[in-house]
Amino acid sequence: MAYKIKEWADISDDFDGSILLGNGASIGINSSFSYPSLKEHAVDNGLLVENVQKLFDHFDTDDFELVLRLVWQANRVNLALDIKDNATKSAYEHVRHCLIEAVRSIHPEYYEVEDQLANIASFLKPFKTVLSLNYDLSLYWVIMYANREYNGHSFKDCFLRGEFDEDWKRFRESISIWDRKTTLVFYPHGSLVLARDVVEQEKKLEARGGDLLRSILRDWETGDYIPLFVSEGTSKQKVNAIQNSHYLNTVYREVIPRVGKNLTIYGWGFGEHDAHILTRLANSKVEKIAVSVFGGDQAYCTRVAQMIKDHVGKEVKVVFFNCLSPGAWNIAT
């Protein structure tokens, strides 16, 4: 069976509910995001020493955030109890250094992607909800750019003064002449802009001096914060990590099931390691899903259609569109 791959303009009027962004969206902005994994990058560049590699092996994970959090907590406990333990302190500092250097070397600067932000903002404005599985800063930069336009549309991530608001649904309401229409933005797998402090409180970090990426890395270097994102692992491991975070668990339990009747998926590989997202969508009222396709890949279409049927439901209508269509993501109309 050959699937028809449409242009975005042909279906966009029928898809204005929610959109889910995968790593292909970030790669479309900058090819540096095409790295296989942060841990693999660290290994390939000789950043991980043998004893730290043992931590990843012991906990059976490739998730930098998890390993960093575990050794961070152990180090904090030792400090509180005045236990001298140079090995734990050294491991924490090394994992932290590896993560900082990996992000610093991979992540593009703002000026490298700035010229694409307007197109992406125009693409995202019609949606009521944006869910990004990417933890890089590109979407956050889009939000900041779009909100500076003061054109009657606002993107809101439901954080106030750095803290996530439990009553996130109220942000859909217009509260001023500047936001007659609102799009809510969530990060189901976390983001570089989100962090935990020393007592496990979660917050959104702020830019100081106008450079968000450098501000985030400086906050990590202080040892007062660790990042809040799920970078790698199996679907089960990711769910476990999600359940250990109040913000991530709220998005997983409350937001994903409320995507609405239509959902657009852009740049997502539909890997088994993210099957938990599809399983959670089975609890929604979604009736039709539009999925972006690169290069007319029929094998991808076949696999996606089957995964949606298996995990979400056979009654869901699936349509495919060309990811390089005019008006789609960062492609100019």
C-alpha atoms as a PDB file:
ATOM      1  CA  MET A   1       0.000   0.000   0.000  1.00  0.00           C
ATOM      2  CA  ALA A   2       1.394   3.366  -1.055  1.00  0.00           C
ATOM      3  CA  TYR A   3       0.572   6.266   1.244  1.00  0.00           C
ATOM      4  CA  LYS A   4      -0.209   9.658  -0.237  1.00  0.00           C
ATOM      5  CA  ILE A   5       2.080  12.337   1.149  1.00  0.00           C
ATOM      6  CA  LYS A   6       0.398  15.707   1.051  1.00  0.00           C
ATOM      7  CA  GLU A   7       1.600  19.275   1.314  1.00  0.00           C
ATOM      8  CA  TRP A   8       1.108  21.059   4.624  1.00  0.00           C
ATOM      9  CA  ALA A   9      -1.083  23.745   3.023  1.00  0.00           C
ATOM     10  CA  ASP A  10      -3.515  21.040   1.882  1.00  0.00           C
ATOM     11  CA  ILE A  11      -4.245  19.831   5.431  1.00  0.00           C
ATOM     12  CA  SER A  12      -3.298  22.683   7.775  1.00  0.00           C
ATOM     13  CA  ASP A  13      -6.881  23.943   8.167  1.00  0.00           C
ATOM     14  CA  ASP A  14      -7.836  20.582   9.687  1.00  0.00           C
ATOM     15  CA  PHE A  15      -4.941  20.501  12.162  1.00  0.00           C
ATOM     16  CA  ASP A  16      -4.936  23.334  14.654  1.00  0.00           C
ATOM     17  CA  GLY A  17      -5.203  21.455  17.957  1.00  0.00           C
ATOM     18  CA  SER A  18      -1.887  20.174  19.289  1.00  0.00           C
ATOM     19  CA  ILE A  19       1.546  19.531  17.817  1.00  0.00           C
ATOM     20  CA  LEU A  20       4.246  17.148  19.041  1.00  0.00           C
ATOM     21  CA  LEU A  21       7.829  17.950  18.042  1.00  0.00           C
ATOM     22  CA  GLY A  22      10.580  15.347  17.750  1.00  0.00           C
ATOM     23  CA  ASN A  23      14.340  15.602  17.219  1.00  0.00           C
ATOM     24  CA  GLY A  24      13.888  16.024  13.466  1.00  0.00           C
ATOM     25  CA  ALA A  25      12.469  19.482  14.177  1.00  0.00           C
ATOM     26  CA  SER A  26      15.685  20.506  15.931  1.00  0.00           C
ATOM     27  CA  ILE A  27      17.844  18.909  13.231  1.00  0.00           C
ATOM     28  CA  GLY A  28      15.893  20.915  10.656  1.00  0.00           C
ATOM     29  CA  ILE A  29      17.059  24.067  12.434  1.00  0.00           C
ATOM     30  CA  ASN A  30      20.700  23.059  12.858  1.00  0.00           C
ATOM     31  CA  SER A  31      22.479  19.848  11.867  1.00  0.00           C
ATOM     32  CA  SER A  32      24.470  19.834  15.117  1.00  0.00           C
ATOM     33  CA  PHE A  33      21.378  18.339  16.778  1.00  0.00           C
ATOM     34  CA  SER A  34      21.817  15.144  14.739  1.00  0.00           C
ATOM     35  CA  TYR A  35      24.193  13.596  17.301  1.00  0.00           C
ATOM     36  CA  PRO A  36      23.167  10.047  18.346  1.00  0.00           C
ATOM     37  CA  SER A  37      23.230  10.749  22.101  1.00  0.00           C
ATOM     38  CA  LEU A  38      24.944  12.969  24.651  1.00  0.00           C
ATOM     39  CA  LYS A  39      26.654   9.973  26.219  1.00  0.00           C
ATOM     40  CA  GLU A  40      27.909   8.698  22.867  1.00  0.00           C
ATOM     41  CA  HIS A  41      29.232  12.163  22.081  1.00  0.00           C
ATOM     42  CA  ALA A  42      31.039  12.225  25.434  1.00  0.00           C
ATOM     43  CA  VAL A  43      32.553   8.779  24.834  1.00  0.00           C
ATOM     44  CA  ASP A  44      33.611   9.597  21.272  1.00  0.00           C
ATOM     45  CA  ASN A  45      35.319  12.761  22.473  1.00  0.00           C
ATOM     46  CA  GLY A  46      37.089  11.108  25.399  1.00  0.00           C
ATOM     47  CA  LEU A  47      35.126  12.962  28.078  1.00  0.00           C
ATOM     48  CA  LEU A  48      34.126   9.958  30.220  1.00  0.00           C
ATOM     49  CA  VAL A  49      36.745   8.369  32.438  1.00  0.00           C
ATOM     50  CA  GLU A  50      36.502   4.670  33.282  1.00  0.00           C
ATOM     51  CA  ASN A  51      35.091   4.961  36.821  1.00  0.00           C
ATOM     52  CA  VAL A  52      32.267   7.257  35.626  1.00  0.00           C
ATOM     53  CA  GLN A  53      31.502   4.901  32.755  1.00  0.00           C
ATOM     54  CA  LYS A  54      31.001   2.235  35.434  1.00  0.00           C
ATOM     55  CA  LEU A  55      28.179   4.340  36.904  1.00  0.00           C
ATOM     56  CA  PHE A  56      26.292   4.307  33.603  1.00  0.00           C
ATOM     57  CA  ASP A  57      26.849   0.547  33.358  1.00  0.00           C
ATOM     58  CA  HIS A  58      25.816  -0.115  36.974  1.00  0.00           C
ATOM     59  CA  PHE A  59      22.514   1.755  36.639  1.00  0.00           C
ATOM     60  CA  ASP A  60      21.948   0.346  33.138  1.00  0.00           C
ATOM     61  CA  THR A  61      21.323   3.724  31.594  1.00  0.00           C
ATOM     62  CA  ASP A  62      22.676   6.209  29.077  1.00  0.00           C
ATOM     63  CA  ASP A  63      20.772   9.058  30.733  1.00  0.00           C
ATOM     64  CA  PHE A  64      23.186  11.792  31.807  1.00  0.00           C
ATOM     65  CA  GLU A  65      20.559  13.526  33.955  1.00  0.00           C
ATOM     66  CA  LEU A  66      19.847  10.379  35.968  1.00  0.00           C
ATOM     67  CA  VAL A  67      23.494   9.582  36.704  1.00  0.00           C
ATOM     68  CA  LEU A  68      24.230  13.218  37.514  1.00  0.00           C
ATOM     69  CA  ARG A  69      21.266  13.385  39.906  1.00  0.00           C
ATOM     70  CA  LEU A  70      22.265  10.157  41.692  1.00  0.00           C
ATOM     71  CA  VAL A  71      25.866  11.184  42.361  1.00  0.00           C
ATOM     72  CA  TRP A  72      24.765  14.750  43.164  1.00  0.00           C
ATOM     73  CA  GLN A  73      22.382  13.489  45.839  1.00  0.00           C
ATOM     74  CA  ALA A  74      25.012  11.116  47.235  1.00  0.00           C
ATOM     75  CA  ASN A  75      27.508  13.950  47.418  1.00  0.00           C
ATOM     76  CA  ARG A  76      24.990  16.206  49.184  1.00  0.00           C
ATOM     77  CA  VAL A  77      24.176  13.511  51.755  1.00  0.00           C
ATOM     78  CA  ASN A  78      27.868  13.000  52.479  1.00  0.00           C
ATOM     79  CA  LEU A  79      28.371  16.738  52.950  1.00  0.00           C
ATOM     80  CA  ALA A  80      25.376  16.978  55.285  1.00  0.00           C
ATOM     81  CA  LEU A  81      26.676  14.090  57.421  1.00  0.00           C
ATOM     82  CA  ASP A  82      30.269  15.327  57.258  1.00  0.00           C
ATOM     83  CA  ILE A  83      31.368  12.095  55.570  1.00  0.00           C
ATOM     84  CA  LYS A  84      34.629  12.431  53.724  1.00  0.00           C
ATOM     85  CA  ASP A  85      34.161  10.783  50.351  1.00  0.00           C
ATOM     86  CA  ASN A  86      36.379  12.100  47.599  1.00  0.00           C
ATOM     87  CA  ALA A  87      35.281   9.385  45.156  1.00  0.00           C
ATOM     88  CA  THR A  88      31.621  10.503  45.138  1.00  0.00           C
ATOM     89  CA  LYS A  89      32.561  14.184  44.947  1.00  0.00           C
ATOM     90  CA  SER A  90      34.984  13.509  42.112  1.00  0.00           C
ATOM     91  CA  ALA A  91      32.434  11.398  40.198  1.00  0.00           C
ATOM     92  CA  TYR A  92      29.786  14.122  40.514  1.00  0.00           C
ATOM     93  CA  GLU A  93      32.156  16.840  39.331  1.00  0.00           C
ATOM     94  CA  HIS A  94      33.288  14.723  36.400  1.00  0.00           C
ATOM     95  CA  VAL A  95      29.780  13.793  35.209  1.00  0.00           C
ATOM     96  CA  ARG A  96      28.782  17.439  35.530  1.00  0.00           C
ATOM     97  CA  HIS A  97      31.839  18.534  33.545  1.00  0.00           C
ATOM     98  CA  CYS A  98      31.121  15.949  30.823  1.00  0.00           C
ATOM     99  CA  LEU A  99      27.529  17.085  30.483  1.00  0.00           C
ATOM    100  CA  ILE A 100      28.467  20.761  30.327  1.00  0.00           C
ATOM    101  CA  GLU A 101      31.177  20.171  27.737  1.00  0.00           C
ATOM    102  CA  ALA A 102      28.913  17.932  25.640  1.00  0.00           C
ATOM    103  CA  VAL A 103      26.111  20.520  25.579  1.00  0.00           C
ATOM    104  CA  ARG A 104      28.550  23.374  24.971  1.00  0.00           C
ATOM    105  CA  SER A 105      30.110  21.633  21.987  1.00  0.00           C
ATOM    106  CA  ILE A 106      26.835  20.464  20.433  1.00  0.00           C
ATOM    107  CA  HIS A 107      24.359  23.275  20.984  1.00  0.00           C
ATOM    108  CA  PRO A 108      24.340  26.097  18.394  1.00  0.00           C
ATOM    109  CA  GLU A 109      24.453  29.743  19.417  1.00  0.00           C
ATOM    110  CA  TYR A 110      21.359  31.929  19.164  1.00  0.00           C
ATOM    111  CA  TYR A 111      22.715  33.933  16.230  1.00  0.00           C
ATOM    112  CA  GLU A 112      23.110  30.724  14.207  1.00  0.00           C
ATOM    113  CA  VAL A 113      19.371  29.987  14.230  1.00  0.00           C
ATOM    114  CA  GLU A 114      17.834  33.445  14.668  1.00  0.00           C
ATOM    115  CA  ASP A 115      16.885  33.841  11.008  1.00  0.00           C
ATOM    116  CA  GLN A 116      14.554  30.801  11.221  1.00  0.00           C
ATOM    117  CA  LEU A 117      12.558  31.831  14.296  1.00  0.00           C
ATOM    118  CA  ALA A 118       9.954  33.923  12.454  1.00  0.00           C
ATOM    119  CA  ASN A 119       8.959  31.059  10.138  1.00  0.00           C
ATOM    120  CA  ILE A 120       8.713  28.609  13.037  1.00  0.00           C
ATOM    121  CA  ALA A 121       6.632  31.034  15.099  1.00  0.00           C
ATOM    122  CA  SER A 122       4.206  31.477  12.190  1.00  0.00           C
ATOM    123  CA  PHE A 123       3.881  27.708  11.857  1.00  0.00           C
ATOM    124  CA  LEU A 124       3.220  27.171  15.572  1.00  0.00           C
ATOM    125  CA  LYS A 125       0.791  30.042  16.205  1.00  0.00           C
ATOM    126  CA  PRO A 126      -2.368  28.254  14.983  1.00  0.00           C
ATOM    127  CA  PHE A 127      -1.900  25.398  17.486  1.00  0.00           C
ATOM    128  CA  LYS A 128      -3.490  25.454  20.916  1.00  0.00           C
ATOM    129  CA  THR A 129      -0.781  23.255  22.463  1.00  0.00           C
ATOM    130  CA  VAL A 130       2.866  22.557  21.623  1.00  0.00           C
ATOM    131  CA  LEU A 131       4.595  19.498  23.100  1.00  0.00           C
ATOM    132  CA  SER A 132       8.325  19.246  22.467  1.00  0.00           C
ATOM    133  CA  LEU A 133      10.306  16.079  23.167  1.00  0.00           C
ATOM    134  CA  ASN A 134      13.513  18.030  22.531  1.00  0.00           C
ATOM    135  CA  TYR A 135      15.477  19.466  25.432  1.00  0.00           C
ATOM    136  CA  ASP A 136      17.509  22.011  23.447  1.00  0.00           C
ATOM    137  CA  LEU A 137      16.738  25.739  23.529  1.00  0.00           C
ATOM    138  CA  SER A 138      15.471  26.243  19.975  1.00  0.00           C
ATOM    139  CA  LEU A 139      11.765  26.184  20.871  1.00  0.00           C
ATOM    140  CA  TYR A 140      12.349  28.441  23.867  1.00  0.00           C
ATOM    141  CA  TRP A 141      14.084  30.924  21.586  1.00  0.00           C
ATOM    142  CA  VAL A 142      11.088  30.783  19.219  1.00  0.00           C
ATOM    143  CA  ILE A 143       8.732  31.548  22.122  1.00  0.00           C
ATOM    144  CA  MET A 144      10.799  34.522  23.273  1.00  0.00           C
ATOM    145  CA  TYR A 145      11.023  35.862  19.724  1.00  0.00           C
ATOM    146  CA  ALA A 146       7.298  35.491  19.067  1.00  0.00           C
ATOM    147  CA  ASN A 147       6.226  37.043  22.373  1.00  0.00           C
ATOM    148  CA  ARG A 148       8.321  40.135  21.673  1.00  0.00           C
ATOM    149  CA  GLU A 149       6.173  40.806  18.604  1.00  0.00           C
ATOM    150  CA  TYR A 150       3.133  41.886  20.701  1.00  0.00           C
ATOM    151  CA  ASN A 151       0.727  40.878  17.931  1.00  0.00           C
ATOM    152  CA  GLY A 152      -2.163  39.587  20.038  1.00  0.00           C
ATOM    153  CA  HIS A 153      -0.791  36.053  20.297  1.00  0.00           C
ATOM    154  CA  SER A 154       1.121  34.671  23.286  1.00  0.00           C
ATOM    155  CA  PHE A 155       3.088  31.477  23.863  1.00  0.00           C
ATOM    156  CA  LYS A 156       2.923  30.440  27.534  1.00  0.00           C
ATOM    157  CA  ASP A 157       4.839  27.664  29.288  1.00  0.00           C
ATOM    158  CA  CYS A 158       2.793  27.989  32.514  1.00  0.00           C
ATOM    159  CA  PHE A 159       5.775  29.044  34.626  1.00  0.00           C
ATOM    160  CA  LEU A 160       5.450  32.116  36.842  1.00  0.00           C
ATOM    161  CA  ARG A 161       8.542  33.611  38.480  1.00  0.00           C
ATOM    162  CA  GLY A 162      10.389  30.420  37.672  1.00  0.00           C
ATOM    163  CA  GLU A 163       7.838  28.006  39.160  1.00  0.00           C
ATOM    164  CA  PHE A 164       5.347  25.801  37.305  1.00  0.00           C
ATOM    165  CA  ASP A 165       1.738  26.736  38.043  1.00  0.00           C
ATOM    166  CA  GLU A 166      -0.399  23.764  39.097  1.00  0.00           C
ATOM    167  CA  ASP A 167      -3.479  25.311  37.507  1.00  0.00           C
ATOM    168  CA  TRP A 168      -1.914  25.265  34.042  1.00  0.00           C
ATOM    169  CA  LYS A 169      -5.281  25.172  32.269  1.00  0.00           C
ATOM    170  CA  ARG A 170      -6.039  28.738  33.323  1.00  0.00           C
ATOM    171  CA  PHE A 171      -3.279  30.017  31.031  1.00  0.00           C
ATOM    172  CA  ARG A 172      -5.544  29.352  28.048  1.00  0.00           C
ATOM    173  CA  GLU A 173      -7.619  32.333  29.133  1.00  0.00           C
ATOM    174  CA  SER A 174      -6.812  35.730  27.673  1.00  0.00           C
ATOM    175  CA  ILE A 175      -5.814  38.107  30.439  1.00  0.00           C
ATOM    176  CA  SER A 176      -4.846  41.231  28.468  1.00  0.00           C
ATOM    177  CA  ILE A 177      -5.180  42.919  25.106  1.00  0.00           C
ATOM    178  CA  TRP A 178      -1.766  41.511  24.231  1.00  0.00           C
ATOM    179  CA  ASP A 179      -2.783  37.844  24.256  1.00  0.00           C
ATOM    180  CA  ARG A 180      -6.144  37.519  22.535  1.00  0.00           C
ATOM    181  CA  LYS A 181      -4.969  34.055  21.424  1.00  0.00           C
ATOM    182  CA  THR A 182      -2.771  31.706  23.414  1.00  0.00           C
ATOM    183  CA  THR A 183      -0.631  28.650  22.683  1.00  0.00           C
ATOM    184  CA  LEU A 184       0.529  26.580  25.651  1.00  0.00           C
ATOM    185  CA  VAL A 185       3.979  24.990  25.492  1.00  0.00           C
ATOM    186  CA  PHE A 186       5.140  21.906  27.402  1.00  0.00           C
ATOM    187  CA  TYR A 187       8.276  19.743  27.550  1.00  0.00           C
ATOM    188  CA  PRO A 188       7.292  16.090  28.246  1.00  0.00           C
ATOM    189  CA  HIS A 189      10.958  15.076  28.469  1.00  0.00           C
ATOM    190  CA  GLY A 190      12.183  18.277  30.092  1.00  0.00           C
ATOM    191  CA  SER A 191      14.457  20.994  28.746  1.00  0.00           C
ATOM    192  CA  LEU A 192      17.835  22.609  29.305  1.00  0.00           C
ATOM    193  CA  VAL A 193      15.963  25.614  30.670  1.00  0.00           C
ATOM    194  CA  LEU A 194      14.481  23.505  33.504  1.00  0.00           C
ATOM    195  CA  ALA A 195      16.438  22.472  36.600  1.00  0.00           C
ATOM    196  CA  ARG A 196      16.319  21.008  40.097  1.00  0.00           C
ATOM    197  CA  ASP A 197      17.886  22.754  43.056  1.00  0.00           C
ATOM    198  CA  VAL A 198      19.533  21.242  46.132  1.00  0.00           C
ATOM    199  CA  VAL A 199      16.190  20.384  47.784  1.00  0.00           C
ATOM    200  CA  GLU A 200      14.690  18.885  44.607  1.00  0.00           C
ATOM    201  CA  GLN A 201      12.561  21.952  43.841  1.00  0.00           C
ATOM    202  CA  GLU A 202      12.032  22.411  40.106  1.00  0.00           C
ATOM    203  CA  LYS A 203      12.351  25.768  38.392  1.00  0.00           C
ATOM    204  CA  LYS A 204      12.908  27.503  35.091  1.00  0.00           C
ATOM    205  CA  LEU A 205      16.316  29.126  34.780  1.00  0.00           C
ATOM    206  CA  GLU A 206      16.682  32.669  33.511  1.00  0.00           C
ATOM    207  CA  ALA A 207      19.088  34.343  31.148  1.00  0.00           C
ATOM    208  CA  ARG A 208      21.552  36.747  32.670  1.00  0.00           C
ATOM    209  CA  GLY A 209      23.344  39.118  30.395  1.00  0.00           C
ATOM    210  CA  GLY A 210      21.115  38.141  27.503  1.00  0.00           C
ATOM    211  CA  ASP A 211      22.710  34.731  26.839  1.00  0.00           C
ATOM    212  CA  LEU A 212      20.483  31.911  28.060  1.00  0.00           C
ATOM    213  CA  LEU A 213      22.748  29.008  27.084  1.00  0.00           C
ATOM    214  CA  ARG A 214      25.771  30.413  28.922  1.00  0.00           C
ATOM    215  CA  SER A 215      23.617  31.314  31.929  1.00  0.00           C
ATOM    216  CA  ILE A 216      22.350  27.720  32.151  1.00  0.00           C
ATOM    217  CA  LEU A 217      25.847  26.252  31.947  1.00  0.00           C
ATOM    218  CA  ARG A 218      27.066  28.675  34.632  1.00  0.00           C
ATOM    219  CA  ASP A 219      24.182  27.608  36.903  1.00  0.00           C
ATOM    220  CA  TRP A 220      25.196  23.965  36.448  1.00  0.00           C
ATOM    221  CA  GLU A 221      28.825  24.810  37.209  1.00  0.00           C
ATOM    222  CA  THR A 222      27.889  26.285  40.598  1.00  0.00           C
ATOM    223  CA  GLY A 223      26.637  22.883  41.746  1.00  0.00           C
ATOM    224  CA  ASP A 224      23.401  24.466  42.978  1.00  0.00           C
ATOM    225  CA  TYR A 225      21.347  23.116  40.075  1.00  0.00           C
ATOM    226  CA  ILE A 226      21.178  20.021  37.914  1.00  0.00           C
ATOM    227  CA  PRO A 227      19.270  19.856  34.616  1.00  0.00           C
ATOM    228  CA  LEU A 228      15.765  18.483  34.365  1.00  0.00           C
ATOM    229  CA  PHE A 229      15.490  16.475  31.180  1.00  0.00           C
ATOM    230  CA  VAL A 230      15.191  12.836  30.104  1.00  0.00           C
ATOM    231  CA  SER A 231      17.863  12.428  27.489  1.00  0.00           C
ATOM    232  CA  GLU A 232      18.136   8.734  26.736  1.00  0.00           C
ATOM    233  CA  GLY A 233      17.028   5.233  27.672  1.00  0.00           C
ATOM    234  CA  THR A 234      14.251   2.738  26.986  1.00  0.00           C
ATOM    235  CA  SER A 235      10.601   3.705  27.155  1.00  0.00           C
ATOM    236  CA  LYS A 236      10.322   2.117  30.606  1.00  0.00           C
ATOM    237  CA  GLN A 237      13.395   3.968  31.870  1.00  0.00           C
ATOM    238  CA  LYS A 238      12.003   7.243  30.551  1.00  0.00           C
ATOM    239  CA  VAL A 239       8.669   6.686  32.298  1.00  0.00           C
ATOM    240  CA  ASN A 240      10.532   6.026  35.573  1.00  0.00           C
ATOM    241  CA  ALA A 241      12.435   9.288  35.116  1.00  0.00           C
ATOM    242  CA  ILE A 242       9.222  11.153  34.298  1.00  0.00           C
ATOM    243  CA  GLN A 243       7.571   9.858  37.463  1.00  0.00           C
ATOM    244  CA  ASN A 244      10.477  11.213  39.537  1.00  0.00           C
ATOM    245  CA  SER A 245       9.680  14.766  38.430  1.00  0.00           C
ATOM    246  CA  HIS A 246       6.601  16.718  39.443  1.00  0.00           C
ATOM    247  CA  TYR A 247       6.603  18.814  36.263  1.00  0.00           C
ATOM    248  CA  LEU A 248       7.257  15.943  33.863  1.00  0.00           C
ATOM    249  CA  ASN A 249       4.694  13.728  35.566  1.00  0.00           C
ATOM    250  CA  THR A 250       2.064  16.485  35.399  1.00  0.00           C
ATOM    251  CA  VAL A 251       2.635  16.893  31.666  1.00  0.00           C
ATOM    252  CA  TYR A 252       2.553  13.124  31.178  1.00  0.00           C
ATOM    253  CA  ARG A 253      -0.609  12.527  33.236  1.00  0.00           C
ATOM    254  CA  GLU A 254      -2.615  15.667  32.562  1.00  0.00           C
ATOM    255  CA  VAL A 255      -1.476  17.423  29.396  1.00  0.00           C
ATOM    256  CA  ILE A 256      -0.855  14.616  26.894  1.00  0.00           C
ATOM    257  CA  PRO A 257      -4.349  13.109  27.343  1.00  0.00           C
ATOM    258  CA  ARG A 258      -5.785  16.580  26.584  1.00  0.00           C
ATOM    259  CA  VAL A 259      -4.250  17.099  23.145  1.00  0.00           C
ATOM    260  CA  GLY A 260      -7.701  17.437  21.604  1.00  0.00           C
ATOM    261  CA  LYS A 261      -9.256  15.786  18.586  1.00  0.00           C
ATOM    262  CA  ASN A 262      -6.446  16.483  16.117  1.00  0.00           C
ATOM    263  CA  LEU A 263      -2.705  16.151  16.545  1.00  0.00           C
ATOM    264  CA  THR A 264       0.212  17.064  14.289  1.00  0.00           C
ATOM    265  CA  ILE A 265       3.537  15.282  14.710  1.00  0.00           C
ATOM    266  CA  TYR A 266       6.630  16.880  13.223  1.00  0.00           C
ATOM    267  CA  GLY A 267      10.131  15.413  13.087  1.00  0.00           C
ATOM    268  CA  TRP A 268       9.512  12.425  15.335  1.00  0.00           C
ATOM    269  CA  GLY A 269      11.165   9.092  14.565  1.00  0.00           C
ATOM    270  CA  PHE A 270       8.519   6.924  16.308  1.00  0.00           C
ATOM    271  CA  GLY A 271      11.196   4.876  18.050  1.00  0.00           C
ATOM    272  CA  GLU A 272      10.228   2.181  20.532  1.00  0.00           C
ATOM    273  CA  HIS A 273      12.101   4.144  23.215  1.00  0.00           C
ATOM    274  CA  ASP A 274       9.315   6.742  23.013  1.00  0.00           C
ATOM    275  CA  ALA A 275       6.378   4.336  22.825  1.00  0.00           C
ATOM    276  CA  HIS A 276       5.137   5.604  26.207  1.00  0.00           C
ATOM    277  CA  ILE A 277       4.059   8.847  24.516  1.00  0.00           C
ATOM    278  CA  LEU A 278       1.851   6.940  22.082  1.00  0.00           C
ATOM    279  CA  THR A 279       0.474   4.780  24.874  1.00  0.00           C
ATOM    280  CA  ARG A 280      -0.455   7.894  26.819  1.00  0.00           C
ATOM    281  CA  LEU A 281      -2.168   9.332  23.730  1.00  0.00           C
ATOM    282  CA  ALA A 282      -4.526   6.343  23.868  1.00  0.00           C
ATOM    283  CA  ASN A 283      -6.137   8.139  26.826  1.00  0.00           C
ATOM    284  CA  SER A 284      -6.880  11.213  24.713  1.00  0.00           C
ATOM    285  CA  LYS A 285      -9.798  12.027  22.429  1.00  0.00           C
ATOM    286  CA  VAL A 286      -7.616  12.325  19.342  1.00  0.00           C
ATOM    287  CA  GLU A 287      -9.404  11.317  16.128  1.00  0.00           C
ATOM    288  CA  LYS A 288      -6.841  12.198  13.458  1.00  0.00           C
ATOM    289  CA  ILE A 289      -3.077  12.564  13.374  1.00  0.00           C
ATOM    290  CA  ALA A 290      -0.941  14.293  10.742  1.00  0.00           C
ATOM    291  CA  VAL A 291       2.640  13.022  10.582  1.00  0.00           C
ATOM    292  CA  SER A 292       5.519  14.704   8.752  1.00  0.00           C
ATOM    293  CA  VAL A 293       7.583  12.586   6.358  1.00  0.00           C
ATOM    294  CA  PHE A 294      11.054  13.233   4.983  1.00  0.00           C
ATOM    295  CA  GLY A 295      11.892  12.238   1.429  1.00  0.00           C
ATOM    296  CA  GLY A 296       8.665  10.369   0.710  1.00  0.00           C
ATOM    297  CA  ASP A 297       9.721   7.443   2.918  1.00  0.00           C
ATOM    298  CA  GLN A 298       6.990   4.814   2.423  1.00  0.00           C
ATOM    299  CA  ALA A 299       8.586   2.365   4.863  1.00  0.00           C
ATOM    300  CA  TYR A 300       8.396   5.025   7.553  1.00  0.00           C
ATOM    301  CA  CYS A 301       4.732   5.669   6.741  1.00  0.00           C
ATOM    302  CA  THR A 302       3.925   1.961   7.049  1.00  0.00           C
ATOM    303  CA  ARG A 303       5.691   1.662  10.393  1.00  0.00           C
ATOM    304  CA  VAL A 304       4.099   4.826  11.790  1.00  0.00           C
ATOM    305  CA  ALA A 305       0.586   3.831  10.739  1.00  0.00           C
ATOM    306  CA  GLN A 306       1.021   0.451  12.438  1.00  0.00           C
ATOM    307  CA  MET A 307       2.456   1.946  15.644  1.00  0.00           C
ATOM    308  CA  ILE A 308      -0.412   4.421  15.928  1.00  0.00           C
ATOM    309  CA  LYS A 309      -2.896   1.619  15.385  1.00  0.00           C
ATOM    310  CA  ASP A 310      -1.194  -0.587  17.990  1.00  0.00           C
ATOM    311  CA  HIS A 311      -0.658   2.047  20.682  1.00  0.00           C
ATOM    312  CA  VAL A 312      -3.278   4.747  20.153  1.00  0.00           C
ATOM    313  CA  GLY A 313      -6.166   2.968  18.456  1.00  0.00           C
ATOM    314  CA  LYS A 314      -7.230   1.592  15.108  1.00  0.00           C
ATOM    315  CA  GLU A 315      -9.986   4.199  14.739  1.00  0.00           C
ATOM    316  CA  VAL A 316      -7.534   7.101  14.540  1.00  0.00           C
ATOM    317  CA  LYS A 317      -7.165   8.537  11.026  1.00  0.00           C
ATOM    318  CA  VAL A 318      -3.541   9.059   9.966  1.00  0.00           C
ATOM    319  CA  VAL A 319      -2.445  11.410   7.183  1.00  0.00           C
ATOM    320  CA  PHE A 320       1.102  12.161   6.065  1.00  0.00           C
ATOM    321  CA  PHE A 321       2.620  15.411   4.846  1.00  0.00           C
ATOM    322  CA  ASN A 322       5.937  16.497   3.403  1.00  0.00           C
ATOM    323  CA  CYS A 323       8.122  17.947   6.183  1.00  0.00           C
ATOM    324  CA  LEU A 324       9.654  20.359   3.650  1.00  0.00           C
ATOM    325  CA  SER A 325       6.271  21.736   2.560  1.00  0.00           C
ATOM    326  CA  PRO A 326       6.071  25.533   2.273  1.00  0.00           C
ATOM    327  CA  GLY A 327       4.826  26.843   5.610  1.00  0.00           C
ATOM    328  CA  ALA A 328       5.810  23.745   7.576  1.00  0.00           C
ATOM    329  CA  TRP A 329       8.153  24.358  10.526  1.00  0.00           C
ATOM    330  CA  ASN A 330      11.022  26.582   9.310  1.00  0.00           C
ATOM    331  CA  ILE A 331      10.177  26.437   5.602  1.00  0.00           C
ATOM    332  CA  ALA A 332       9.063  29.781   4.210  1.00  0.00           C
ATOM    333  CA  THR A 333       5.700  30.026   2.445  1.00  0.00           C
END
